Amino acid sequence: MQPEVERELIRKCKAGGPRFYEPIVRAYEGPGMRLAMGMMGNVEDAHDALQEAFVKAWQSLDRFDGGRPFGPWFFQILRNQCRDLLRSRQARFKLETVDERLEARPAGLASSPERDREKRAATEMLWKGLERIGAEHREILVLKELEGLRYSEIAEVLGIPDGTVASRLYHARRALRDALDELGVSYA
């Protein structure tokens, strides 16, 4: 979504137009699900966290600074919601079949059955690797590698200094590489 379109939709939401919230929800549903899945580890808990985060964001929209991007602010709400659910349910990270909602990225090449199988196998191995690393490592990898957030946006979402992002990413990537090595995954 274009930043100016997002700002206008939020302005209209704040003015009492709840129907303008739906395009915002649609824009952040895929990225939010990937982040929630990375933190929660299963589709049901991730979906619950995402839905609750959208409700909380709506309820707090009057406090949102419309001059800033919505994404980092929303991801911070979602992250806090995931943490609250993890504490209250004492959910533990476990691998589940990757839900189609996580596959929101457009395919660059024409699809074939063999390519689809390879992609599913790679995705499964990635999630198995993520399953083996700590939650702090998972969430920063999801924000950077799956959602493509800039370091400054990640710092805002996680509430850490910009310089700490690079260090945490280094250690998270190393932990994932070690986990994939333990699984016998070969990569270029």
C-alpha atoms as a PDB file:
ATOM      1  CA  MET A   1       0.000   0.000   0.000  1.00  0.00           C
ATOM      2  CA  GLN A   2       1.278   3.448  -0.896  1.00  0.00           C
ATOM      3  CA  PRO A   3       2.168   5.569   2.164  1.00  0.00           C
ATOM      4  CA  GLU A   4      -0.093   8.426   1.089  1.00  0.00           C
ATOM      5  CA  VAL A   5      -3.037   6.055   0.601  1.00  0.00           C
ATOM      6  CA  GLU A   6      -2.384   4.507   4.000  1.00  0.00           C
ATOM      7  CA  ARG A   7      -2.245   7.934   5.669  1.00  0.00           C
ATOM      8  CA  GLU A   8      -5.535   8.951   4.038  1.00  0.00           C
ATOM      9  CA  LEU A   9      -7.267   5.728   5.103  1.00  0.00           C
ATOM     10  CA  ILE A  10      -6.077   6.179   8.685  1.00  0.00           C
ATOM     11  CA  ARG A  11      -7.227   9.800   8.661  1.00  0.00           C
ATOM     12  CA  LYS A  12     -10.677   8.641   7.527  1.00  0.00           C
ATOM     13  CA  CYS A  13     -10.728   5.890  10.180  1.00  0.00           C
ATOM     14  CA  LYS A  14      -9.929   8.442  12.872  1.00  0.00           C
ATOM     15  CA  ALA A  15     -12.762  10.622  11.563  1.00  0.00           C
ATOM     16  CA  GLY A  16     -15.186   7.802  12.307  1.00  0.00           C
ATOM     17  CA  GLY A  17     -15.091   5.741   9.120  1.00  0.00           C
ATOM     18  CA  PRO A  18     -14.616   2.112  10.218  1.00  0.00           C
ATOM     19  CA  ARG A  19     -15.083   0.843   6.660  1.00  0.00           C
ATOM     20  CA  PHE A  20     -11.730   2.432   5.785  1.00  0.00           C
ATOM     21  CA  TYR A  21      -9.971   0.074   8.210  1.00  0.00           C
ATOM     22  CA  GLU A  22     -10.620  -2.995   6.033  1.00  0.00           C
ATOM     23  CA  PRO A  23      -8.020  -2.123   3.333  1.00  0.00           C
ATOM     24  CA  ILE A  24      -5.461  -1.577   6.083  1.00  0.00           C
ATOM     25  CA  VAL A  25      -6.292  -4.963   7.586  1.00  0.00           C
ATOM     26  CA  ARG A  26      -5.973  -6.612   4.178  1.00  0.00           C
ATOM     27  CA  ALA A  27      -2.603  -4.949   3.569  1.00  0.00           C
ATOM     28  CA  TYR A  28      -1.152  -6.133   6.875  1.00  0.00           C
ATOM     29  CA  GLU A  29      -2.868  -9.503   7.224  1.00  0.00           C
ATOM     30  CA  GLY A  30      -0.206 -11.521   5.344  1.00  0.00           C
ATOM     31  CA  PRO A  31       2.844  -9.853   6.896  1.00  0.00           C
ATOM     32  CA  GLY A  32       1.173  -9.930  10.305  1.00  0.00           C
ATOM     33  CA  MET A  33       0.384 -13.631   9.987  1.00  0.00           C
ATOM     34  CA  ARG A  34       3.992 -14.407   9.098  1.00  0.00           C
ATOM     35  CA  LEU A  35       5.240 -12.456  12.112  1.00  0.00           C
ATOM     36  CA  ALA A  36       2.678 -14.057  14.431  1.00  0.00           C
ATOM     37  CA  MET A  37       3.465 -17.521  13.058  1.00  0.00           C
ATOM     38  CA  GLY A  38       7.155 -16.901  13.645  1.00  0.00           C
ATOM     39  CA  MET A  39       6.464 -16.027  17.252  1.00  0.00           C
ATOM     40  CA  MET A  40       3.606 -18.388  18.098  1.00  0.00           C
ATOM     41  CA  GLY A  41       4.651 -21.434  16.096  1.00  0.00           C
ATOM     42  CA  ASN A  42       1.200 -22.589  15.102  1.00  0.00           C
ATOM     43  CA  VAL A  43      -1.517 -21.258  12.863  1.00  0.00           C
ATOM     44  CA  GLU A  44      -4.347 -21.170  15.426  1.00  0.00           C
ATOM     45  CA  ASP A  45      -2.453 -19.148  18.029  1.00  0.00           C
ATOM     46  CA  ALA A  46      -0.969 -16.909  15.328  1.00  0.00           C
ATOM     47  CA  HIS A  47      -4.426 -16.194  13.905  1.00  0.00           C
ATOM     48  CA  ASP A  48      -5.814 -15.428  17.372  1.00  0.00           C
ATOM     49  CA  ALA A  49      -2.946 -13.024  18.081  1.00  0.00           C
ATOM     50  CA  LEU A  50      -3.348 -11.332  14.714  1.00  0.00           C
ATOM     51  CA  GLN A  51      -7.090 -10.813  15.114  1.00  0.00           C
ATOM     52  CA  GLU A  52      -6.679  -9.421  18.614  1.00  0.00           C
ATOM     53  CA  ALA A  53      -3.870  -7.117  17.450  1.00  0.00           C
ATOM     54  CA  PHE A  54      -6.104  -5.686  14.710  1.00  0.00           C
ATOM     55  CA  VAL A  55      -8.813  -5.024  17.297  1.00  0.00           C
ATOM     56  CA  LYS A  56      -6.351  -3.367  19.669  1.00  0.00           C
ATOM     57  CA  ALA A  57      -4.894  -1.261  16.848  1.00  0.00           C
ATOM     58  CA  TRP A  58      -8.400  -0.105  15.903  1.00  0.00           C
ATOM     59  CA  GLN A  59      -9.186   0.764  19.504  1.00  0.00           C
ATOM     60  CA  SER A  60      -5.914   2.715  19.839  1.00  0.00           C
ATOM     61  CA  LEU A  61      -6.001   4.404  16.447  1.00  0.00           C
ATOM     62  CA  ASP A  62      -6.794   7.783  17.981  1.00  0.00           C
ATOM     63  CA  ARG A  63      -3.357   7.678  19.665  1.00  0.00           C
ATOM     64  CA  PHE A  64      -1.532   6.728  16.453  1.00  0.00           C
ATOM     65  CA  ASP A  65       0.671   9.436  14.923  1.00  0.00           C
ATOM     66  CA  GLY A  66      -0.657   9.609  11.352  1.00  0.00           C
ATOM     67  CA  GLY A  67       2.611  11.071  10.108  1.00  0.00           C
ATOM     68  CA  ARG A  68       4.408   7.801  10.786  1.00  0.00           C
ATOM     69  CA  PRO A  69       4.100   4.480   8.948  1.00  0.00           C
ATOM     70  CA  PHE A  70       1.376   2.201  10.281  1.00  0.00           C
ATOM     71  CA  GLY A  71       3.370  -1.041   9.840  1.00  0.00           C
ATOM     72  CA  PRO A  72       5.972  -0.712  12.606  1.00  0.00           C
ATOM     73  CA  TRP A  73       3.327   0.563  15.030  1.00  0.00           C
ATOM     74  CA  PHE A  74       0.991  -2.331  14.203  1.00  0.00           C
ATOM     75  CA  PHE A  75       3.799  -4.916  14.363  1.00  0.00           C
ATOM     76  CA  GLN A  76       4.676  -3.680  17.837  1.00  0.00           C
ATOM     77  CA  ILE A  77       1.065  -4.195  18.939  1.00  0.00           C
ATOM     78  CA  LEU A  78       1.086  -7.649  17.332  1.00  0.00           C
ATOM     79  CA  ARG A  79       4.383  -8.569  18.957  1.00  0.00           C
ATOM     80  CA  ASN A  80       3.043  -7.577  22.376  1.00  0.00           C
ATOM     81  CA  GLN A  81      -0.151  -9.542  21.732  1.00  0.00           C
ATOM     82  CA  CYS A  82       1.862 -12.638  20.798  1.00  0.00           C
ATOM     83  CA  ARG A  83       3.915 -12.320  23.959  1.00  0.00           C
ATOM     84  CA  ASP A  84       0.763 -11.925  26.060  1.00  0.00           C
ATOM     85  CA  LEU A  85      -0.764 -15.039  24.480  1.00  0.00           C
ATOM     86  CA  LEU A  86       2.439 -17.003  24.947  1.00  0.00           C
ATOM     87  CA  ARG A  87       2.447 -16.094  28.614  1.00  0.00           C
ATOM     88  CA  SER A  88      -1.243 -16.735  29.189  1.00  0.00           C
ATOM     89  CA  ARG A  89      -1.490 -19.977  27.256  1.00  0.00           C
ATOM     90  CA  GLN A  90       2.065 -21.071  27.880  1.00  0.00           C
ATOM     91  CA  ALA A  91       2.095 -22.030  24.224  1.00  0.00           C
ATOM     92  CA  ARG A  92       5.273 -23.568  22.977  1.00  0.00           C
ATOM     93  CA  PHE A  93       6.707 -23.321  19.519  1.00  0.00           C
ATOM     94  CA  LYS A  94       5.909 -26.350  17.418  1.00  0.00           C
ATOM     95  CA  LEU A  95       5.955 -27.015  13.726  1.00  0.00           C
ATOM     96  CA  GLU A  96       2.633 -27.293  11.988  1.00  0.00           C
ATOM     97  CA  THR A  97       1.787 -27.522   8.353  1.00  0.00           C
ATOM     98  CA  VAL A  98       2.448 -24.157   6.826  1.00  0.00           C
ATOM     99  CA  ASP A  99      -0.868 -22.502   6.142  1.00  0.00           C
ATOM    100  CA  GLU A 100      -1.505 -21.005   2.705  1.00  0.00           C
ATOM    101  CA  ARG A 101      -1.904 -17.572   4.324  1.00  0.00           C
ATOM    102  CA  LEU A 102       1.846 -17.641   4.931  1.00  0.00           C
ATOM    103  CA  GLU A 103       2.522 -17.931   1.226  1.00  0.00           C
ATOM    104  CA  ALA A 104       1.477 -14.359   0.416  1.00  0.00           C
ATOM    105  CA  ARG A 105       4.621 -13.517  -1.544  1.00  0.00           C
ATOM    106  CA  PRO A 106       4.081 -13.473  -5.308  1.00  0.00           C
ATOM    107  CA  ALA A 107       5.909 -16.123  -7.297  1.00  0.00           C
ATOM    108  CA  GLY A 108       8.464 -14.689  -9.690  1.00  0.00           C
ATOM    109  CA  LEU A 109       8.670 -17.719 -11.971  1.00  0.00           C
ATOM    110  CA  ALA A 110       6.051 -19.881 -13.569  1.00  0.00           C
ATOM    111  CA  SER A 111       5.000 -22.659 -11.252  1.00  0.00           C
ATOM    112  CA  SER A 112       5.477 -26.339 -11.959  1.00  0.00           C
ATOM    113  CA  PRO A 113       4.678 -29.386  -9.817  1.00  0.00           C
ATOM    114  CA  GLU A 114       8.397 -30.036  -9.237  1.00  0.00           C
ATOM    115  CA  ARG A 115       9.081 -26.400  -8.348  1.00  0.00           C
ATOM    116  CA  ASP A 116       6.071 -26.383  -6.003  1.00  0.00           C
ATOM    117  CA  ARG A 117       7.358 -29.542  -4.246  1.00  0.00           C
ATOM    118  CA  GLU A 118      10.824 -28.015  -3.886  1.00  0.00           C
ATOM    119  CA  LYS A 119       9.355 -24.803  -2.502  1.00  0.00           C
ATOM    120  CA  ARG A 120       7.187 -26.693   0.003  1.00  0.00           C
ATOM    121  CA  ALA A 121      10.166 -28.804   1.102  1.00  0.00           C
ATOM    122  CA  ALA A 122      12.370 -25.714   1.513  1.00  0.00           C
ATOM    123  CA  THR A 123       9.641 -23.912   3.447  1.00  0.00           C
ATOM    124  CA  GLU A 124       9.165 -26.935   5.711  1.00  0.00           C
ATOM    125  CA  MET A 125      12.896 -27.123   6.412  1.00  0.00           C
ATOM    126  CA  LEU A 126      13.021 -23.399   7.126  1.00  0.00           C
ATOM    127  CA  TRP A 127      10.207 -23.721   9.677  1.00  0.00           C
ATOM    128  CA  LYS A 128      11.903 -26.770  11.216  1.00  0.00           C
ATOM    129  CA  GLY A 129      15.053 -24.672  11.560  1.00  0.00           C
ATOM    130  CA  LEU A 130      13.074 -21.780  13.055  1.00  0.00           C
ATOM    131  CA  GLU A 131      11.464 -24.242  15.459  1.00  0.00           C
ATOM    132  CA  ARG A 132      14.896 -25.035  16.881  1.00  0.00           C
ATOM    133  CA  ILE A 133      15.982 -21.461  17.642  1.00  0.00           C
ATOM    134  CA  GLY A 134      14.849 -19.070  20.355  1.00  0.00           C
ATOM    135  CA  ALA A 135      11.832 -16.788  20.051  1.00  0.00           C
ATOM    136  CA  GLU A 136      14.018 -13.658  20.041  1.00  0.00           C
ATOM    137  CA  HIS A 137      15.935 -14.996  17.027  1.00  0.00           C
ATOM    138  CA  ARG A 138      12.741 -16.083  15.228  1.00  0.00           C
ATOM    139  CA  GLU A 139      10.999 -12.742  15.551  1.00  0.00           C
ATOM    140  CA  ILE A 140      13.917 -10.666  14.253  1.00  0.00           C
ATOM    141  CA  LEU A 141      14.434 -13.046  11.304  1.00  0.00           C
ATOM    142  CA  VAL A 142      10.753 -12.877  10.410  1.00  0.00           C
ATOM    143  CA  LEU A 143      10.798  -9.066  10.547  1.00  0.00           C
ATOM    144  CA  LYS A 144      13.916  -8.750   8.392  1.00  0.00           C
ATOM    145  CA  GLU A 145      13.954 -11.738   6.066  1.00  0.00           C
ATOM    146  CA  LEU A 146      10.261 -12.469   5.567  1.00  0.00           C
ATOM    147  CA  GLU A 147       8.820  -8.968   5.933  1.00  0.00           C
ATOM    148  CA  GLY A 148      11.797  -7.001   4.627  1.00  0.00           C
ATOM    149  CA  LEU A 149      11.643  -4.292   7.283  1.00  0.00           C
ATOM    150  CA  ARG A 150      14.529  -1.828   7.472  1.00  0.00           C
ATOM    151  CA  TYR A 151      16.769  -1.833  10.525  1.00  0.00           C
ATOM    152  CA  SER A 152      15.148   1.355  11.835  1.00  0.00           C
ATOM    153  CA  GLU A 153      11.672  -0.198  11.523  1.00  0.00           C
ATOM    154  CA  ILE A 154      12.813  -3.362  13.282  1.00  0.00           C
ATOM    155  CA  ALA A 155      14.325  -1.230  16.055  1.00  0.00           C
ATOM    156  CA  GLU A 156      10.989   0.544  16.454  1.00  0.00           C
ATOM    157  CA  VAL A 157       8.976  -2.690  16.530  1.00  0.00           C
ATOM    158  CA  LEU A 158      11.322  -4.370  19.024  1.00  0.00           C
ATOM    159  CA  GLY A 159      11.975  -1.247  21.080  1.00  0.00           C
ATOM    160  CA  ILE A 160      15.748  -1.546  20.766  1.00  0.00           C
ATOM    161  CA  PRO A 161      18.495   0.792  19.485  1.00  0.00           C
ATOM    162  CA  ASP A 162      19.180   0.665  15.733  1.00  0.00           C
ATOM    163  CA  GLY A 163      22.708  -0.628  16.351  1.00  0.00           C
ATOM    164  CA  THR A 164      21.409  -3.605  18.298  1.00  0.00           C
ATOM    165  CA  VAL A 165      19.393  -4.815  15.300  1.00  0.00           C
ATOM    166  CA  ALA A 166      22.511  -5.720  13.302  1.00  0.00           C
ATOM    167  CA  SER A 167      23.992  -7.639  16.207  1.00  0.00           C
ATOM    168  CA  ARG A 168      20.784  -9.567  16.902  1.00  0.00           C
ATOM    169  CA  LEU A 169      20.361 -10.374  13.214  1.00  0.00           C
ATOM    170  CA  TYR A 170      23.906 -11.713  13.023  1.00  0.00           C
ATOM    171  CA  HIS A 171      23.322 -14.030  15.986  1.00  0.00           C
ATOM    172  CA  ALA A 172      19.858 -15.057  14.747  1.00  0.00           C
ATOM    173  CA  ARG A 173      21.178 -15.944  11.290  1.00  0.00           C
ATOM    174  CA  ARG A 174      24.006 -17.887  12.854  1.00  0.00           C
ATOM    175  CA  ALA A 175      21.571 -19.773  15.116  1.00  0.00           C
ATOM    176  CA  LEU A 176      19.354 -20.603  12.123  1.00  0.00           C
ATOM    177  CA  ARG A 177      22.347 -21.749  10.066  1.00  0.00           C
ATOM    178  CA  ASP A 178      23.456 -24.007  12.947  1.00  0.00           C
ATOM    179  CA  ALA A 179      19.921 -25.388  13.298  1.00  0.00           C
ATOM    180  CA  LEU A 180      19.721 -26.104   9.566  1.00  0.00           C
ATOM    181  CA  ASP A 181      23.170 -27.750   9.685  1.00  0.00           C
ATOM    182  CA  GLU A 182      21.920 -30.025  12.492  1.00  0.00           C
ATOM    183  CA  LEU A 183      18.996 -30.961  10.245  1.00  0.00           C
ATOM    184  CA  GLY A 184      21.409 -31.823   7.434  1.00  0.00           C
ATOM    185  CA  VAL A 185      20.172 -29.061   5.148  1.00  0.00           C
ATOM    186  CA  SER A 186      22.563 -28.076   2.392  1.00  0.00           C
ATOM    187  CA  TYR A 187      22.346 -24.541   1.082  1.00  0.00           C
ATOM    188  CA  ALA A 188      24.339 -22.260  -1.158  1.00  0.00           C
END
